[in-house]
Full PDB file with SEQRES, HELIX, SHEET, SSBOND, CRYST1, ORIGX, SCALE, CONECT and MASTER records, all heavy atoms in Angstrom:
SEQRES   1 A   39  LYS GLN VAL GLN VAL GLU GLY GLY GLU LEU ARG LEU SER          
SEQRES   2 A   39  PHE ALA GLU GLY LYS ALA ALA ASP ARG LYS TYR LEU CYS          
SEQRES   3 A   39  GLY GLU ILE GLN THR LYS ALA ARG PHE GLY TYR GLY THR          
SHEET    1 AA1 2 VAL A   3  GLU A   6  0                                        
SHEET    2 AA1 2 GLU A   9  LEU A  12 -1                                        
SHEET    1 AA2 2 PHE A  14  ALA A  19  0                                        
SHEET    2 AA2 2 ARG A  22  CYS A  26 -1                                        
CRYST1    1.000    1.000    1.000  90.00  90.00  90.00 P 1           1          
ORIGX1      1.000000  0.000000  0.000000        0.00000                         
ORIGX2      0.000000  1.000000  0.000000        0.00000                         
ORIGX3      0.000000  0.000000  1.000000        0.00000                         
SCALE1      1.000000  0.000000  0.000000        0.00000                         
SCALE2      0.000000  1.000000  0.000000        0.00000                         
SCALE3      0.000000  0.000000  1.000000        0.00000                         
ATOM      1  N   LYS A   1       0.756   6.757   9.934  1.00  0.00           N  
ATOM      2  CA  LYS A   1       1.991   7.334  10.444  1.00  0.00           C  
ATOM      3  C   LYS A   1       3.219   6.794   9.715  1.00  0.00           C  
ATOM      4  O   LYS A   1       4.258   7.422   9.745  1.00  0.00           O  
ATOM      5  CB  LYS A   1       2.111   7.110  11.940  1.00  0.00           C  
ATOM      6  CG  LYS A   1       1.038   7.744  12.796  1.00  0.00           C  
ATOM      7  CD  LYS A   1       1.229   7.390  14.254  1.00  0.00           C  
ATOM      8  CE  LYS A   1       0.141   8.056  15.120  1.00  0.00           C  
ATOM      9  NZ  LYS A   1       0.324   7.656  16.573  1.00  0.00           N  
ATOM     10  N   GLN A   2       3.049   5.623   9.104  1.00  0.00           N  
ATOM     11  CA  GLN A   2       4.173   4.978   8.458  1.00  0.00           C  
ATOM     12  C   GLN A   2       4.172   5.251   6.950  1.00  0.00           C  
ATOM     13  O   GLN A   2       4.887   4.595   6.159  1.00  0.00           O  
ATOM     14  CB  GLN A   2       4.129   3.456   8.707  1.00  0.00           C  
ATOM     15  CG  GLN A   2       4.112   3.089  10.120  1.00  0.00           C  
ATOM     16  CD  GLN A   2       5.214   3.666  10.930  1.00  0.00           C  
ATOM     17  OE1 GLN A   2       6.394   3.560  10.593  1.00  0.00           O  
ATOM     18  NE2 GLN A   2       4.847   4.362  12.034  1.00  0.00           N  
ATOM     19  N   VAL A   3       3.418   6.217   6.509  1.00  0.00           N  
ATOM     20  CA  VAL A   3       3.308   6.616   5.071  1.00  0.00           C  
ATOM     21  C   VAL A   3       3.682   8.099   4.968  1.00  0.00           C  
ATOM     22  O   VAL A   3       3.015   8.969   5.576  1.00  0.00           O  
ATOM     23  CB  VAL A   3       1.873   6.411   4.542  1.00  0.00           C  
ATOM     24  CG1 VAL A   3       1.797   6.856   3.108  1.00  0.00           C  
ATOM     25  CG2 VAL A   3       1.466   4.925   4.670  1.00  0.00           C  
ATOM     26  N   GLN A   4       4.804   8.372   4.302  1.00  0.00           N  
ATOM     27  CA  GLN A   4       5.242   9.737   4.128  1.00  0.00           C  
ATOM     28  C   GLN A   4       5.652   9.998   2.695  1.00  0.00           C  
ATOM     29  O   GLN A   4       6.251   9.156   2.048  1.00  0.00           O  
ATOM     30  CB  GLN A   4       6.429  10.052   5.072  1.00  0.00           C  
ATOM     31  CG  GLN A   4       6.068   9.998   6.560  1.00  0.00           C  
ATOM     32  CD  GLN A   4       7.300  10.349   7.435  1.00  0.00           C  
ATOM     33  OE1 GLN A   4       8.389   9.944   7.146  1.00  0.00           O  
ATOM     34  NE2 GLN A   4       7.010  11.053   8.511  1.00  0.00           N  
ATOM     35  N   VAL A   5       5.360  11.223   2.238  1.00  0.00           N  
ATOM     36  CA  VAL A   5       5.861  11.644   0.928  1.00  0.00           C  
ATOM     37  C   VAL A   5       6.717  12.895   1.149  1.00  0.00           C  
ATOM     38  O   VAL A   5       6.287  13.869   1.743  1.00  0.00           O  
ATOM     39  CB  VAL A   5       4.662  11.991  -0.019  1.00  0.00           C  
ATOM     40  CG1 VAL A   5       5.176  12.655  -1.294  1.00  0.00           C  
ATOM     41  CG2 VAL A   5       3.921  10.670  -0.351  1.00  0.00           C  
ATOM     42  N   GLU A   6       7.960  12.835   0.667  1.00  0.00           N  
ATOM     43  CA  GLU A   6       8.876  13.924   0.863  1.00  0.00           C  
ATOM     44  C   GLU A   6       9.934  13.834  -0.222  1.00  0.00           C  
ATOM     45  O   GLU A   6      10.470  12.754  -0.552  1.00  0.00           O  
ATOM     46  CB  GLU A   6       9.556  13.855   2.270  1.00  0.00           C  
ATOM     47  CG  GLU A   6      10.409  15.061   2.580  1.00  0.00           C  
ATOM     48  CD  GLU A   6      10.897  15.007   4.035  1.00  0.00           C  
ATOM     49  OE1 GLU A   6      10.453  14.115   4.807  1.00  0.00           O  
ATOM     50  OE2 GLU A   6      11.710  15.820   4.340  1.00  0.00           O  
ATOM     51  N   GLY A   7      10.339  14.996  -0.773  1.00  0.00           N  
ATOM     52  CA  GLY A   7      11.421  15.040  -1.762  1.00  0.00           C  
ATOM     53  C   GLY A   7      11.162  14.232  -2.991  1.00  0.00           C  
ATOM     54  O   GLY A   7      12.150  13.710  -3.566  1.00  0.00           O  
ATOM     55  N   GLY A   8       9.915  14.066  -3.421  1.00  0.00           N  
ATOM     56  CA  GLY A   8       9.622  13.321  -4.609  1.00  0.00           C  
ATOM     57  C   GLY A   8       9.680  11.782  -4.398  1.00  0.00           C  
ATOM     58  O   GLY A   8       9.806  11.041  -5.400  1.00  0.00           O  
ATOM     59  N   GLU A   9       9.581  11.344  -3.150  1.00  0.00           N  
ATOM     60  CA  GLU A   9       9.589   9.911  -2.861  1.00  0.00           C  
ATOM     61  C   GLU A   9       8.469   9.579  -1.872  1.00  0.00           C  
ATOM     62  O   GLU A   9       8.140  10.352  -0.973  1.00  0.00           O  
ATOM     63  CB  GLU A   9      10.900   9.462  -2.237  1.00  0.00           C  
ATOM     64  CG  GLU A   9      12.055   9.443  -3.219  1.00  0.00           C  
ATOM     65  CD  GLU A   9      13.324   8.943  -2.524  1.00  0.00           C  
ATOM     66  OE1 GLU A   9      13.321   8.605  -1.328  1.00  0.00           O  
ATOM     67  OE2 GLU A   9      14.372   8.954  -3.203  1.00  0.00           O  
ATOM     68  N   LEU A  10       7.906   8.391  -2.074  1.00  0.00           N  
ATOM     69  CA  LEU A  10       7.048   7.790  -1.043  1.00  0.00           C  
ATOM     70  C   LEU A  10       7.900   6.898  -0.170  1.00  0.00           C  
ATOM     71  O   LEU A  10       8.666   6.078  -0.659  1.00  0.00           O  
ATOM     72  CB  LEU A  10       5.951   6.988  -1.746  1.00  0.00           C  
ATOM     73  CG  LEU A  10       5.116   6.090  -0.837  1.00  0.00           C  
ATOM     74  CD1 LEU A  10       4.213   6.897   0.107  1.00  0.00           C  
ATOM     75  CD2 LEU A  10       4.295   5.120  -1.691  1.00  0.00           C  
ATOM     76  N   ARG A  11       7.658   7.025   1.142  1.00  0.00           N  
ATOM     77  CA  ARG A  11       8.400   6.221   2.098  1.00  0.00           C  
ATOM     78  C   ARG A  11       7.398   5.412   2.944  1.00  0.00           C  
ATOM     79  O   ARG A  11       6.536   6.037   3.589  1.00  0.00           O  
ATOM     80  CB  ARG A  11       9.307   7.007   3.007  1.00  0.00           C  
ATOM     81  CG  ARG A  11      10.227   6.235   3.917  1.00  0.00           C  
ATOM     82  CD  ARG A  11      11.092   7.194   4.736  1.00  0.00           C  
ATOM     83  NE  ARG A  11      12.016   7.916   3.917  1.00  0.00           N  
ATOM     84  CZ  ARG A  11      13.303   7.522   3.716  1.00  0.00           C  
ATOM     85  NH1 ARG A  11      13.727   6.404   4.278  1.00  0.00           N  
ATOM     86  NH2 ARG A  11      14.065   8.220   2.933  1.00  0.00           N  
ATOM     87  N   LEU A  12       7.471   4.080   2.884  1.00  0.00           N  
ATOM     88  CA  LEU A  12       6.658   3.219   3.689  1.00  0.00           C  
ATOM     89  C   LEU A  12       7.544   2.593   4.729  1.00  0.00           C  
ATOM     90  O   LEU A  12       8.546   1.999   4.432  1.00  0.00           O  
ATOM     91  CB  LEU A  12       5.960   2.142   2.803  1.00  0.00           C  
ATOM     92  CG  LEU A  12       5.125   2.637   1.683  1.00  0.00           C  
ATOM     93  CD1 LEU A  12       4.553   1.478   0.904  1.00  0.00           C  
ATOM     94  CD2 LEU A  12       3.958   3.484   2.187  1.00  0.00           C  
ATOM     95  N   SER A  13       7.158   2.681   6.025  1.00  0.00           N  
ATOM     96  CA  SER A  13       8.058   2.307   7.084  1.00  0.00           C  
ATOM     97  C   SER A  13       7.441   1.190   7.954  1.00  0.00           C  
ATOM     98  O   SER A  13       6.253   0.974   8.008  1.00  0.00           O  
ATOM     99  CB  SER A  13       8.380   3.521   7.961  1.00  0.00           C  
ATOM    100  OG  SER A  13       9.042   4.500   7.214  1.00  0.00           O  
ATOM    101  N   PHE A  14       8.356   0.489   8.654  1.00  0.00           N  
ATOM    102  CA  PHE A  14       8.025  -0.501   9.646  1.00  0.00           C  
ATOM    103  C   PHE A  14       8.754  -0.108  10.927  1.00  0.00           C  
ATOM    104  O   PHE A  14       9.953   0.101  10.918  1.00  0.00           O  
ATOM    105  CB  PHE A  14       8.477  -1.870   9.187  1.00  0.00           C  
ATOM    106  CG  PHE A  14       8.086  -3.027  10.046  1.00  0.00           C  
ATOM    107  CD1 PHE A  14       6.985  -3.811   9.772  1.00  0.00           C  
ATOM    108  CD2 PHE A  14       8.792  -3.299  11.240  1.00  0.00           C  
ATOM    109  CE1 PHE A  14       6.580  -4.864  10.629  1.00  0.00           C  
ATOM    110  CE2 PHE A  14       8.413  -4.333  12.071  1.00  0.00           C  
ATOM    111  CZ  PHE A  14       7.319  -5.100  11.755  1.00  0.00           C  
ATOM    112  N   ALA A  15       8.036  -0.011  12.016  1.00  0.00           N  
ATOM    113  CA  ALA A  15       8.590   0.429  13.285  1.00  0.00           C  
ATOM    114  C   ALA A  15       7.790  -0.083  14.495  1.00  0.00           C  
ATOM    115  O   ALA A  15       6.653  -0.520  14.335  1.00  0.00           O  
ATOM    116  CB  ALA A  15       8.641   1.962  13.315  1.00  0.00           C  
ATOM    117  N   GLU A  16       8.443  -0.052  15.642  1.00  0.00           N  
ATOM    118  CA  GLU A  16       7.722  -0.346  16.866  1.00  0.00           C  
ATOM    119  C   GLU A  16       6.594   0.639  17.093  1.00  0.00           C  
ATOM    120  O   GLU A  16       6.732   1.810  16.823  1.00  0.00           O  
ATOM    121  CB  GLU A  16       8.648  -0.336  18.072  1.00  0.00           C  
ATOM    122  CG  GLU A  16       9.509  -1.601  18.261  1.00  0.00           C  
ATOM    123  CD  GLU A  16      10.276  -1.576  19.541  1.00  0.00           C  
ATOM    124  OE1 GLU A  16      10.945  -0.554  19.780  1.00  0.00           O  
ATOM    125  OE2 GLU A  16      10.229  -2.584  20.306  1.00  0.00           O  
ATOM    126  N   GLY A  17       5.502   0.143  17.610  1.00  0.00           N  
ATOM    127  CA  GLY A  17       4.357   1.037  17.900  1.00  0.00           C  
ATOM    128  C   GLY A  17       3.135   0.187  18.248  1.00  0.00           C  
ATOM    129  O   GLY A  17       2.741  -0.648  17.389  1.00  0.00           O  
ATOM    130  N   LYS A  18       2.605   0.380  19.377  1.00  0.00           N  
ATOM    131  CA  LYS A  18       1.427  -0.414  19.806  1.00  0.00           C  
ATOM    132  C   LYS A  18       0.143   0.103  19.127  1.00  0.00           C  
ATOM    133  O   LYS A  18      -0.168   1.282  19.135  1.00  0.00           O  
ATOM    134  CB  LYS A  18       1.286  -0.322  21.354  1.00  0.00           C  
ATOM    135  CG  LYS A  18       0.133  -1.077  21.898  1.00  0.00           C  
ATOM    136  CD  LYS A  18       0.390  -2.571  21.970  1.00  0.00           C  
ATOM    137  CE  LYS A  18      -0.739  -3.244  22.719  1.00  0.00           C  
ATOM    138  NZ  LYS A  18      -0.642  -4.721  22.588  1.00  0.00           N  
ATOM    139  N   ALA A  19      -0.580  -0.836  18.486  1.00  0.00           N  
ATOM    140  CA  ALA A  19      -1.894  -0.527  17.911  1.00  0.00           C  
ATOM    141  C   ALA A  19      -2.703  -1.793  17.898  1.00  0.00           C  
ATOM    142  O   ALA A  19      -2.251  -2.840  17.454  1.00  0.00           O  
ATOM    143  CB  ALA A  19      -1.763   0.053  16.499  1.00  0.00           C  
ATOM    144  N   ALA A  20      -3.907  -1.724  18.473  1.00  0.00           N  
ATOM    145  CA  ALA A  20      -4.761  -2.912  18.612  1.00  0.00           C  
ATOM    146  C   ALA A  20      -3.977  -3.978  19.327  1.00  0.00           C  
ATOM    147  O   ALA A  20      -3.441  -3.707  20.384  1.00  0.00           O  
ATOM    148  CB  ALA A  20      -5.274  -3.341  17.276  1.00  0.00           C  
ATOM    149  N   ASP A  21      -3.855  -5.168  18.766  1.00  0.00           N  
ATOM    150  CA  ASP A  21      -3.146  -6.275  19.444  1.00  0.00           C  
ATOM    151  C   ASP A  21      -1.792  -6.531  18.821  1.00  0.00           C  
ATOM    152  O   ASP A  21      -1.198  -7.581  18.925  1.00  0.00           O  
ATOM    153  CB  ASP A  21      -3.973  -7.521  19.429  1.00  0.00           C  
ATOM    154  CG  ASP A  21      -4.373  -7.956  17.976  1.00  0.00           C  
ATOM    155  OD1 ASP A  21      -4.120  -7.198  17.096  1.00  0.00           O  
ATOM    156  OD2 ASP A  21      -4.811  -9.116  17.817  1.00  0.00           O  
ATOM    157  N   ARG A  22      -1.221  -5.497  18.110  1.00  0.00           N  
ATOM    158  CA  ARG A  22       0.048  -5.673  17.480  1.00  0.00           C  
ATOM    159  C   ARG A  22       1.079  -4.763  18.096  1.00  0.00           C  
ATOM    160  O   ARG A  22       0.736  -3.660  18.510  1.00  0.00           O  
ATOM    161  CB  ARG A  22      -0.026  -5.426  15.966  1.00  0.00           C  
ATOM    162  CG  ARG A  22      -1.026  -6.283  15.176  1.00  0.00           C  
ATOM    163  CD  ARG A  22      -0.535  -7.746  15.075  1.00  0.00           C  
ATOM    164  NE  ARG A  22      -1.282  -8.516  14.151  1.00  0.00           N  
ATOM    165  CZ  ARG A  22      -2.371  -9.241  14.419  1.00  0.00           C  
ATOM    166  NH1 ARG A  22      -2.832  -9.209  15.670  1.00  0.00           N  
ATOM    167  NH2 ARG A  22      -2.969  -9.947  13.519  1.00  0.00           N  
ATOM    168  N   LYS A  23       2.383  -5.178  18.101  1.00  0.00           N  
ATOM    169  CA  LYS A  23       3.436  -4.360  18.664  1.00  0.00           C  
ATOM    170  C   LYS A  23       4.125  -3.481  17.656  1.00  0.00           C  
ATOM    171  O   LYS A  23       4.963  -2.634  18.031  1.00  0.00           O  
ATOM    172  CB  LYS A  23       4.531  -5.271  19.255  1.00  0.00           C  
ATOM    173  CG  LYS A  23       4.091  -6.160  20.405  1.00  0.00           C  
ATOM    174  CD  LYS A  23       5.323  -6.843  20.934  1.00  0.00           C  
ATOM    175  CE  LYS A  23       4.965  -8.102  21.717  1.00  0.00           C  
ATOM    176  NZ  LYS A  23       6.188  -8.804  22.162  1.00  0.00           N  
ATOM    177  N   TYR A  24       3.813  -3.682  16.361  1.00  0.00           N  
ATOM    178  CA  TYR A  24       4.485  -2.917  15.337  1.00  0.00           C  
ATOM    179  C   TYR A  24       3.503  -2.227  14.370  1.00  0.00           C  
ATOM    180  O   TYR A  24       2.363  -2.620  14.268  1.00  0.00           O  
ATOM    181  CB  TYR A  24       5.392  -3.879  14.488  1.00  0.00           C  
ATOM    182  CG  TYR A  24       6.416  -4.603  15.364  1.00  0.00           C  
ATOM    183  CD1 TYR A  24       6.175  -5.888  15.783  1.00  0.00           C  
ATOM    184  CD2 TYR A  24       7.625  -3.963  15.753  1.00  0.00           C  
ATOM    185  CE1 TYR A  24       7.072  -6.581  16.603  1.00  0.00           C  
ATOM    186  CE2 TYR A  24       8.510  -4.664  16.545  1.00  0.00           C  
ATOM    187  CZ  TYR A  24       8.244  -5.951  16.960  1.00  0.00           C  
ATOM    188  OH  TYR A  24       9.167  -6.619  17.760  1.00  0.00           O  
ATOM    189  N   LEU A  25       4.017  -1.175  13.723  1.00  0.00           N  
ATOM    190  CA  LEU A  25       3.238  -0.420  12.769  1.00  0.00           C  
ATOM    191  C   LEU A  25       3.870  -0.576  11.373  1.00  0.00           C  
ATOM    192  O   LEU A  25       5.096  -0.589  11.323  1.00  0.00           O  
ATOM    193  CB  LEU A  25       3.187   1.050  13.132  1.00  0.00           C  
ATOM    194  CG  LEU A  25       2.598   1.384  14.512  1.00  0.00           C  
ATOM    195  CD1 LEU A  25       2.734   2.893  14.786  1.00  0.00           C  
ATOM    196  CD2 LEU A  25       1.154   0.933  14.635  1.00  0.00           C  
ATOM    197  N   CYS A  26       3.091  -0.596  10.337  1.00  0.00           N  
ATOM    198  CA  CYS A  26       3.627  -0.746   8.993  1.00  0.00           C  
ATOM    199  C   CYS A  26       2.789   0.064   7.998  1.00  0.00           C  
ATOM    200  O   CYS A  26       1.714   0.528   8.299  1.00  0.00           O  
ATOM    201  CB  CYS A  26       3.662  -2.225   8.549  1.00  0.00           C  
ATOM    202  SG  CYS A  26       2.139  -3.192   8.877  1.00  0.00           S  
ATOM    203  N   GLY A  27       3.359   0.274   6.786  1.00  0.00           N  
ATOM    204  CA  GLY A  27       2.767   1.205   5.835  1.00  0.00           C  
ATOM    205  C   GLY A  27       2.277   0.595   4.534  1.00  0.00           C  
ATOM    206  O   GLY A  27       2.935  -0.294   4.017  1.00  0.00           O  
ATOM    207  N   GLU A  28       1.145   1.079   4.075  1.00  0.00           N  
ATOM    208  CA  GLU A  28       0.621   0.607   2.794  1.00  0.00           C  
ATOM    209  C   GLU A  28      -0.248   1.671   2.167  1.00  0.00           C  
ATOM    210  O   GLU A  28      -0.995   2.373   2.857  1.00  0.00           O  
ATOM    211  CB  GLU A  28      -0.239  -0.641   2.980  1.00  0.00           C  
ATOM    212  CG  GLU A  28      -0.893  -1.156   1.696  1.00  0.00           C  
ATOM    213  CD  GLU A  28      -1.796  -2.401   1.980  1.00  0.00           C  
ATOM    214  OE1 GLU A  28      -2.892  -2.226   2.538  1.00  0.00           O  
ATOM    215  OE2 GLU A  28      -1.331  -3.529   1.662  1.00  0.00           O  
ATOM    216  N   ILE A  29      -0.192   1.786   0.849  1.00  0.00           N  
ATOM    217  CA  ILE A  29      -1.132   2.603   0.070  1.00  0.00           C  
ATOM    218  C   ILE A  29      -1.731   1.735  -1.043  1.00  0.00           C  
ATOM    219  O   ILE A  29      -1.109   0.723  -1.494  1.00  0.00           O  
ATOM    220  CB  ILE A  29      -0.586   3.887  -0.514  1.00  0.00           C  
ATOM    221  CG1 ILE A  29       0.453   3.618  -1.578  1.00  0.00           C  
ATOM    222  CG2 ILE A  29      -0.004   4.793   0.577  1.00  0.00           C  
ATOM    223  CD1 ILE A  29       0.903   4.842  -2.376  1.00  0.00           C  
ATOM    224  N   GLN A  30      -2.933   2.082  -1.459  1.00  0.00           N  
ATOM    225  CA  GLN A  30      -3.596   1.356  -2.573  1.00  0.00           C  
ATOM    226  C   GLN A  30      -4.407   2.364  -3.365  1.00  0.00           C  
ATOM    227  O   GLN A  30      -4.833   3.367  -2.855  1.00  0.00           O  
ATOM    228  CB  GLN A  30      -4.487   0.241  -2.020  1.00  0.00           C  
ATOM    229  CG  GLN A  30      -5.527   0.752  -1.030  1.00  0.00           C  
ATOM    230  CD  GLN A  30      -6.358  -0.346  -0.401  1.00  0.00           C  
ATOM    231  OE1 GLN A  30      -7.333  -0.837  -1.041  1.00  0.00           O  
ATOM    232  NE2 GLN A  30      -6.023  -0.781   0.799  1.00  0.00           N  
ATOM    233  N   THR A  31      -4.571   2.033  -4.646  1.00  0.00           N  
ATOM    234  CA  THR A  31      -5.411   2.891  -5.487  1.00  0.00           C  
ATOM    235  C   THR A  31      -6.902   2.693  -5.109  1.00  0.00           C  
ATOM    236  O   THR A  31      -7.292   1.623  -4.721  1.00  0.00           O  
ATOM    237  CB  THR A  31      -5.212   2.604  -6.968  1.00  0.00           C  
ATOM    238  OG1 THR A  31      -5.511   1.249  -7.258  1.00  0.00           O  
ATOM    239  CG2 THR A  31      -3.812   2.922  -7.406  1.00  0.00           C  
ATOM    240  N   LYS A  32      -7.648   3.727  -5.322  1.00  0.00           N  
ATOM    241  CA  LYS A  32      -9.126   3.609  -5.158  1.00  0.00           C  
ATOM    242  C   LYS A  32      -9.749   2.989  -6.413  1.00  0.00           C  
ATOM    243  O   LYS A  32     -10.734   2.290  -6.351  1.00  0.00           O  
ATOM    244  CB  LYS A  32      -9.734   4.997  -4.853  1.00  0.00           C  
ATOM    245  CG  LYS A  32      -9.264   5.556  -3.523  1.00  0.00           C  
ATOM    246  CD  LYS A  32      -9.907   6.899  -3.210  1.00  0.00           C  
ATOM    247  CE  LYS A  32      -9.557   7.389  -1.821  1.00  0.00           C  
ATOM    248  NZ  LYS A  32     -10.149   8.686  -1.480  1.00  0.00           N  
ATOM    249  N   ALA A  33      -9.129   3.283  -7.567  1.00  0.00           N  
ATOM    250  CA  ALA A  33      -9.624   2.762  -8.843  1.00  0.00           C  
ATOM    251  C   ALA A  33      -9.069   1.364  -9.118  1.00  0.00           C  
ATOM    252  O   ALA A  33      -8.116   0.918  -8.484  1.00  0.00           O  
ATOM    253  CB  ALA A  33      -9.199   3.646  -9.988  1.00  0.00           C  
ATOM    254  N   ARG A  34      -9.718   0.646  -9.978  1.00  0.00           N  
ATOM    255  CA  ARG A  34      -9.309  -0.672 -10.438  1.00  0.00           C  
ATOM    256  C   ARG A  34      -8.786  -0.629 -11.859  1.00  0.00           C  
ATOM    257  O   ARG A  34      -9.347   0.060 -12.708  1.00  0.00           O  
ATOM    258  CB  ARG A  34     -10.491  -1.688 -10.329  1.00  0.00           C  
ATOM    259  CG  ARG A  34     -11.120  -1.726  -8.928  1.00  0.00           C  
ATOM    260  CD  ARG A  34     -12.262  -2.715  -8.895  1.00  0.00           C  
ATOM    261  NE  ARG A  34     -12.963  -2.633  -7.612  1.00  0.00           N  
ATOM    262  CZ  ARG A  34     -13.938  -3.422  -7.200  1.00  0.00           C  
ATOM    263  NH1 ARG A  34     -14.403  -4.344  -8.041  1.00  0.00           N  
ATOM    264  NH2 ARG A  34     -14.533  -3.278  -6.027  1.00  0.00           N  
ATOM    265  N   PHE A  35      -7.723  -1.413 -12.078  1.00  0.00           N  
ATOM    266  CA  PHE A  35      -7.025  -1.364 -13.358  1.00  0.00           C  
ATOM    267  C   PHE A  35      -7.019  -2.751 -14.005  1.00  0.00           C  
ATOM    268  O   PHE A  35      -7.111  -3.755 -13.327  1.00  0.00           O  
ATOM    269  CB  PHE A  35      -5.587  -0.871 -13.191  1.00  0.00           C  
ATOM    270  CG  PHE A  35      -5.532   0.517 -12.575  1.00  0.00           C  
ATOM    271  CD1 PHE A  35      -5.656   0.725 -11.232  1.00  0.00           C  
ATOM    272  CD2 PHE A  35      -5.392   1.631 -13.397  1.00  0.00           C  
ATOM    273  CE1 PHE A  35      -5.641   2.023 -10.681  1.00  0.00           C  
ATOM    274  CE2 PHE A  35      -5.317   2.925 -12.873  1.00  0.00           C  
ATOM    275  CZ  PHE A  35      -5.464   3.113 -11.514  1.00  0.00           C  
ATOM    276  N   GLY A  36      -6.924  -2.747 -15.319  1.00  0.00           N  
ATOM    277  CA  GLY A  36      -7.011  -4.008 -16.064  1.00  0.00           C  
ATOM    278  C   GLY A  36      -5.722  -4.275 -16.845  1.00  0.00           C  
ATOM    279  O   GLY A  36      -4.612  -3.967 -16.437  1.00  0.00           O  
ATOM    280  N   TYR A  37      -5.864  -4.842 -18.056  1.00  0.00           N  
ATOM    281  CA  TYR A  37      -4.753  -5.233 -18.855  1.00  0.00           C  
ATOM    282  C   TYR A  37      -3.866  -3.997 -19.173  1.00  0.00           C  
ATOM    283  O   TYR A  37      -4.367  -2.921 -19.499  1.00  0.00           O  
ATOM    284  CB  TYR A  37      -5.250  -5.878 -20.140  1.00  0.00           C  
ATOM    285  CG  TYR A  37      -6.002  -7.137 -19.915  1.00  0.00           C  
ATOM    286  CD1 TYR A  37      -7.225  -7.331 -20.550  1.00  0.00           C  
ATOM    287  CD2 TYR A  37      -5.538  -8.156 -19.085  1.00  0.00           C  
ATOM    288  CE1 TYR A  37      -8.025  -8.452 -20.378  1.00  0.00           C  
ATOM    289  CE2 TYR A  37      -6.277  -9.287 -18.891  1.00  0.00           C  
ATOM    290  CZ  TYR A  37      -7.512  -9.474 -19.530  1.00  0.00           C  
ATOM    291  OH  TYR A  37      -8.205 -10.583 -19.313  1.00  0.00           O  
ATOM    292  N   GLY A  38      -2.561  -4.177 -19.076  1.00  0.00           N  
ATOM    293  CA  GLY A  38      -1.681  -3.057 -19.310  1.00  0.00           C  
ATOM    294  C   GLY A  38      -0.330  -3.313 -18.649  1.00  0.00           C  
ATOM    295  O   GLY A  38      -0.029  -4.411 -18.210  1.00  0.00           O  
ATOM    296  N   THR A  39       0.464  -2.257 -18.519  1.00  0.00           N  
ATOM    297  CA  THR A  39       1.803  -2.316 -17.959  1.00  0.00           C  
ATOM    298  C   THR A  39       1.844  -1.613 -16.600  1.00  0.00           C  
ATOM    299  O   THR A  39       1.444  -0.435 -16.529  1.00  0.00           O  
ATOM    300  CB  THR A  39       2.761  -1.598 -18.925  1.00  0.00           C  
ATOM    301  OG1 THR A  39       2.720  -2.289 -20.183  1.00  0.00           O  
ATOM    302  CG2 THR A  39       4.197  -1.670 -18.390  1.00  0.00           C  
TER     303      THR A  39                                                      
MASTER        0    0    0    0    4    0    0    6  302    1    0    3          
END                                                                             
């Protein structure tokens, strides 16, 4: 819920929201592939 793409931007958010034993919700994305030497 804290991951949104709109208007050519990715938005990762932090907000109040109960889940499991935490009071807050936060956002993260990660690649499925693995990368090596480069930029």
